[in-house]
């Protein structure tokens, strides 16, 4: 019995030391990595923080011991993952921009036919699009990008992929900016009364 109890303690202590190393490294280097991503990849601050937070989340799944060699391994792990995730965001932004340009071209080419078919419906749709566009312009650039993907008809999973986010993070962000849109619309409605 005492042998089984003593073997359980080191296993309980290993994750704790792993956690302590990661916590310490996080506290000391989070800002450094965010600054690195911002200067190297020229991404908005929020995206830089998301990149680094996601990488530290991945690091939680790894086993780390407290040693100098392990600090080097942790630094290499974080560095490689941060570069990969930041580059992935840049690629997705490029794809998103190409997608938006293609959508804009398709919309402009489709407008004359739609106007000939049902002018009153098209006018109402255009007014609604203008209203939605004005509301979305009041969001941050990050949320505007997200909203444009949603309006383009992408699924939450596709949005998460395009934005370089986990599906959970995408849902949280979507909920937040949609709440802001609702508040803006309510505020505008009250001002018009």
Protein backbone atom coordinates (compact mmCIF):
# COMPACT_ATOMS: atom_id res chain seq x y z
CA UNK A 1 0.00 0.00 0.00
CA UNK A 2 2.69 2.48 0.95
CA UNK A 3 4.56 1.70 -2.27
CA UNK A 4 1.46 2.50 -4.37
CA UNK A 5 0.89 5.74 -2.46
CA UNK A 6 4.48 6.86 -2.95
CA UNK A 7 4.37 6.16 -6.69
CA UNK A 8 1.22 8.30 -7.02
CA UNK A 9 2.86 11.37 -5.55
CA UNK A 10 5.59 11.86 -8.17
CA UNK A 11 2.98 11.58 -10.93
CA UNK A 12 0.90 14.24 -9.20
CA UNK A 13 3.94 16.47 -8.83
CA UNK A 14 5.13 16.19 -12.46
CA UNK A 15 2.19 18.08 -13.98
CA UNK A 16 2.49 20.70 -11.26
CA UNK A 17 6.16 21.39 -12.09
CA UNK A 18 5.24 21.35 -15.79
CA UNK A 19 2.48 23.87 -15.07
CA UNK A 20 4.80 26.04 -12.98
CA UNK A 21 7.42 26.17 -15.74
CA UNK A 22 4.78 27.13 -18.30
CA UNK A 23 3.19 29.74 -16.01
CA UNK A 24 6.56 31.30 -15.30
CA UNK A 25 7.53 31.31 -18.98
CA UNK A 26 4.13 32.76 -19.90
CA UNK A 27 4.40 35.61 -17.37
CA UNK A 28 7.91 36.51 -18.47
CA UNK A 29 7.50 36.12 -22.24
CA UNK A 30 3.89 36.73 -23.26
CA UNK A 31 4.49 40.42 -24.02
CA UNK A 32 7.75 39.63 -25.78
CA UNK A 33 6.07 37.14 -28.13
CA UNK A 34 3.15 39.49 -28.79
CA UNK A 35 5.64 42.24 -29.68
CA UNK A 36 7.54 39.84 -31.92
CA UNK A 37 4.42 38.88 -33.86
CA UNK A 38 3.35 42.51 -34.14
CA UNK A 39 6.70 43.72 -35.47
CA UNK A 40 7.49 40.71 -37.68
CA UNK A 41 4.05 40.08 -39.20
CA UNK A 42 2.47 43.53 -38.84
CA UNK A 43 -0.79 42.12 -37.47
CA UNK A 44 -3.26 44.02 -35.26
CA UNK A 45 -2.58 43.72 -31.52
CA UNK A 46 -5.67 41.55 -30.93
CA UNK A 47 -4.55 39.04 -33.56
CA UNK A 48 -1.04 38.96 -32.07
CA UNK A 49 -2.43 38.24 -28.62
CA UNK A 50 -4.68 35.52 -30.03
CA UNK A 51 -1.75 33.88 -31.80
CA UNK A 52 0.34 33.79 -28.63
CA UNK A 53 -2.56 32.66 -26.43
CA UNK A 54 -3.39 29.80 -28.82
CA UNK A 55 0.24 28.69 -28.82
CA UNK A 56 0.40 28.72 -25.01
CA UNK A 57 -2.82 26.70 -25.04
CA UNK A 58 -1.07 24.14 -27.25
CA UNK A 59 1.92 24.15 -24.89
CA UNK A 60 -0.39 23.16 -22.02
CA UNK A 61 -0.97 19.83 -23.72
CA UNK A 62 2.78 19.09 -23.75
CA UNK A 63 4.85 17.71 -20.89
CA UNK A 64 7.56 20.02 -19.55
CA UNK A 65 10.08 19.50 -16.76
CA UNK A 66 11.89 22.18 -14.84
CA UNK A 67 15.37 22.39 -16.36
CA UNK A 68 17.42 24.75 -18.46
CA UNK A 69 17.20 22.38 -21.44
CA UNK A 70 13.43 22.32 -21.09
CA UNK A 71 13.29 26.13 -21.14
CA UNK A 72 15.17 26.06 -24.44
CA UNK A 73 12.80 23.40 -25.78
CA UNK A 74 9.79 25.44 -24.62
CA UNK A 75 11.19 28.58 -26.28
CA UNK A 76 11.77 26.70 -29.54
CA UNK A 77 8.29 25.17 -29.36
CA UNK A 78 6.61 28.55 -28.79
CA UNK A 79 8.76 30.26 -31.44
CA UNK A 80 7.98 27.71 -34.14
CA UNK A 81 4.25 27.64 -33.37
CA UNK A 82 3.96 31.44 -33.14
CA UNK A 83 5.58 31.87 -36.55
CA UNK A 84 3.38 29.19 -38.10
CA UNK A 85 0.14 30.59 -36.64
CA UNK A 86 0.99 34.20 -37.58
CA UNK A 87 1.88 33.18 -41.14
CA UNK A 88 -1.38 31.23 -41.32
CA UNK A 89 -3.33 34.36 -40.34
CA UNK A 90 -1.59 36.31 -43.10
CA UNK A 91 -2.47 33.59 -45.62
CA UNK A 92 -6.10 33.58 -44.49
CA UNK A 93 -6.26 37.39 -44.73
CA UNK A 94 -4.94 37.15 -48.29
CA UNK A 95 -7.55 34.50 -49.15
CA UNK A 96 -10.26 36.60 -47.51
CA UNK A 97 -9.22 39.68 -49.51
CA UNK A 98 -9.29 37.66 -52.74
CA UNK A 99 -12.71 36.33 -51.73
CA UNK A 100 -14.04 39.84 -51.00
CA UNK A 101 -12.76 41.16 -54.34
CA UNK A 102 -14.43 38.26 -56.15
CA UNK A 103 -17.70 38.84 -54.22
CA UNK A 104 -17.62 42.57 -54.95
CA UNK A 105 -17.10 41.88 -58.65
CA UNK A 106 -19.95 39.35 -58.68
CA UNK A 107 -22.31 41.74 -56.87
CA UNK A 108 -21.56 44.65 -59.23
CA UNK A 109 -22.07 42.48 -62.27
CA UNK A 110 -25.37 41.11 -60.91
CA UNK A 111 -26.97 44.45 -59.96
CA UNK A 112 -28.28 45.54 -63.42
CA UNK A 113 -30.15 42.24 -63.99
CA UNK A 114 -31.65 42.34 -60.52
CA UNK A 115 -32.79 45.96 -60.97
CA UNK A 116 -34.61 45.08 -64.20
CA UNK A 117 -36.38 42.11 -62.62
CA UNK A 118 -37.83 43.70 -59.45
CA UNK A 119 -36.84 47.35 -58.94
CA UNK A 120 -38.72 47.90 -55.64
CA UNK A 121 -37.27 44.76 -54.02
CA UNK A 122 -33.79 45.66 -55.22
CA UNK A 123 -34.13 49.17 -53.82
CA UNK A 124 -35.18 47.79 -50.42
CA UNK A 125 -32.35 45.27 -50.48
CA UNK A 126 -29.84 47.99 -51.37
CA UNK A 127 -31.11 50.19 -48.54
CA UNK A 128 -30.80 47.27 -46.13
CA UNK A 129 -27.28 46.54 -47.40
CA UNK A 130 -26.32 50.18 -46.88
CA UNK A 131 -27.71 50.11 -43.34
CA UNK A 132 -25.86 46.89 -42.54
CA UNK A 133 -22.68 48.31 -44.08
CA UNK A 134 -22.91 51.46 -41.94
CA UNK A 135 -23.39 49.41 -38.78
CA UNK A 136 -20.50 47.08 -39.62
CA UNK A 137 -18.22 50.06 -40.28
CA UNK A 138 -18.61 50.94 -36.60
CA UNK A 139 -16.94 47.66 -35.57
CA UNK A 140 -13.21 47.10 -35.19
CA UNK A 141 -11.32 46.01 -38.31
CA UNK A 142 -11.02 42.48 -36.91
CA UNK A 143 -14.79 42.27 -36.35
CA UNK A 144 -15.47 43.80 -39.78
CA UNK A 145 -13.44 41.00 -41.37
CA UNK A 146 -15.37 38.41 -39.37
CA UNK A 147 -18.71 40.01 -40.29
CA UNK A 148 -17.80 40.06 -43.98
CA UNK A 149 -17.17 36.31 -43.86
CA UNK A 150 -20.50 35.70 -42.15
CA UNK A 151 -22.32 37.91 -44.66
CA UNK A 152 -20.58 36.06 -47.49
CA UNK A 153 -22.27 32.90 -46.20
CA UNK A 154 -19.33 31.07 -44.64
CA UNK A 155 -20.15 28.56 -41.92
CA UNK A 156 -18.74 29.03 -38.40
CA UNK A 157 -16.17 26.31 -39.13
CA UNK A 158 -15.11 28.03 -42.37
CA UNK A 159 -14.90 31.38 -40.57
CA UNK A 160 -12.72 29.83 -37.86
CA UNK A 161 -10.40 28.41 -40.52
CA UNK A 162 -10.22 31.67 -42.47
CA UNK A 163 -9.52 33.70 -39.33
CA UNK A 164 -7.00 31.21 -37.94
CA UNK A 165 -9.08 30.59 -34.82
CA UNK A 166 -10.42 27.60 -32.98
CA UNK A 167 -14.14 27.03 -33.43
CA UNK A 168 -14.75 27.98 -29.80
CA UNK A 169 -12.90 31.29 -30.16
CA UNK A 170 -14.77 32.00 -33.40
CA UNK A 171 -18.12 31.47 -31.62
CA UNK A 172 -17.13 33.80 -28.76
CA UNK A 173 -15.95 36.53 -31.13
CA UNK A 174 -19.03 36.16 -33.33
CA UNK A 175 -21.30 36.48 -30.28
CA UNK A 176 -19.45 39.59 -29.08
CA UNK A 177 -19.53 41.50 -32.34
CA UNK A 178 -23.13 40.48 -33.02
CA UNK A 179 -24.04 41.84 -29.58
CA UNK A 180 -22.30 45.10 -30.50
CA UNK A 181 -24.23 45.23 -33.79
CA UNK A 182 -27.49 44.70 -31.91
CA UNK A 183 -26.65 47.55 -29.52
CA UNK A 184 -25.73 49.85 -32.42
CA UNK A 185 -28.99 49.05 -34.22
CA UNK A 186 -31.00 49.60 -31.03
CA UNK A 187 -29.19 52.88 -30.37
CA UNK A 188 -29.78 54.06 -33.94
CA UNK A 189 -33.46 53.09 -33.66
CA UNK A 190 -33.85 55.09 -30.46
CA UNK A 191 -32.12 58.10 -32.01
CA UNK A 192 -34.50 58.04 -34.99
CA UNK A 193 -37.58 58.16 -32.74
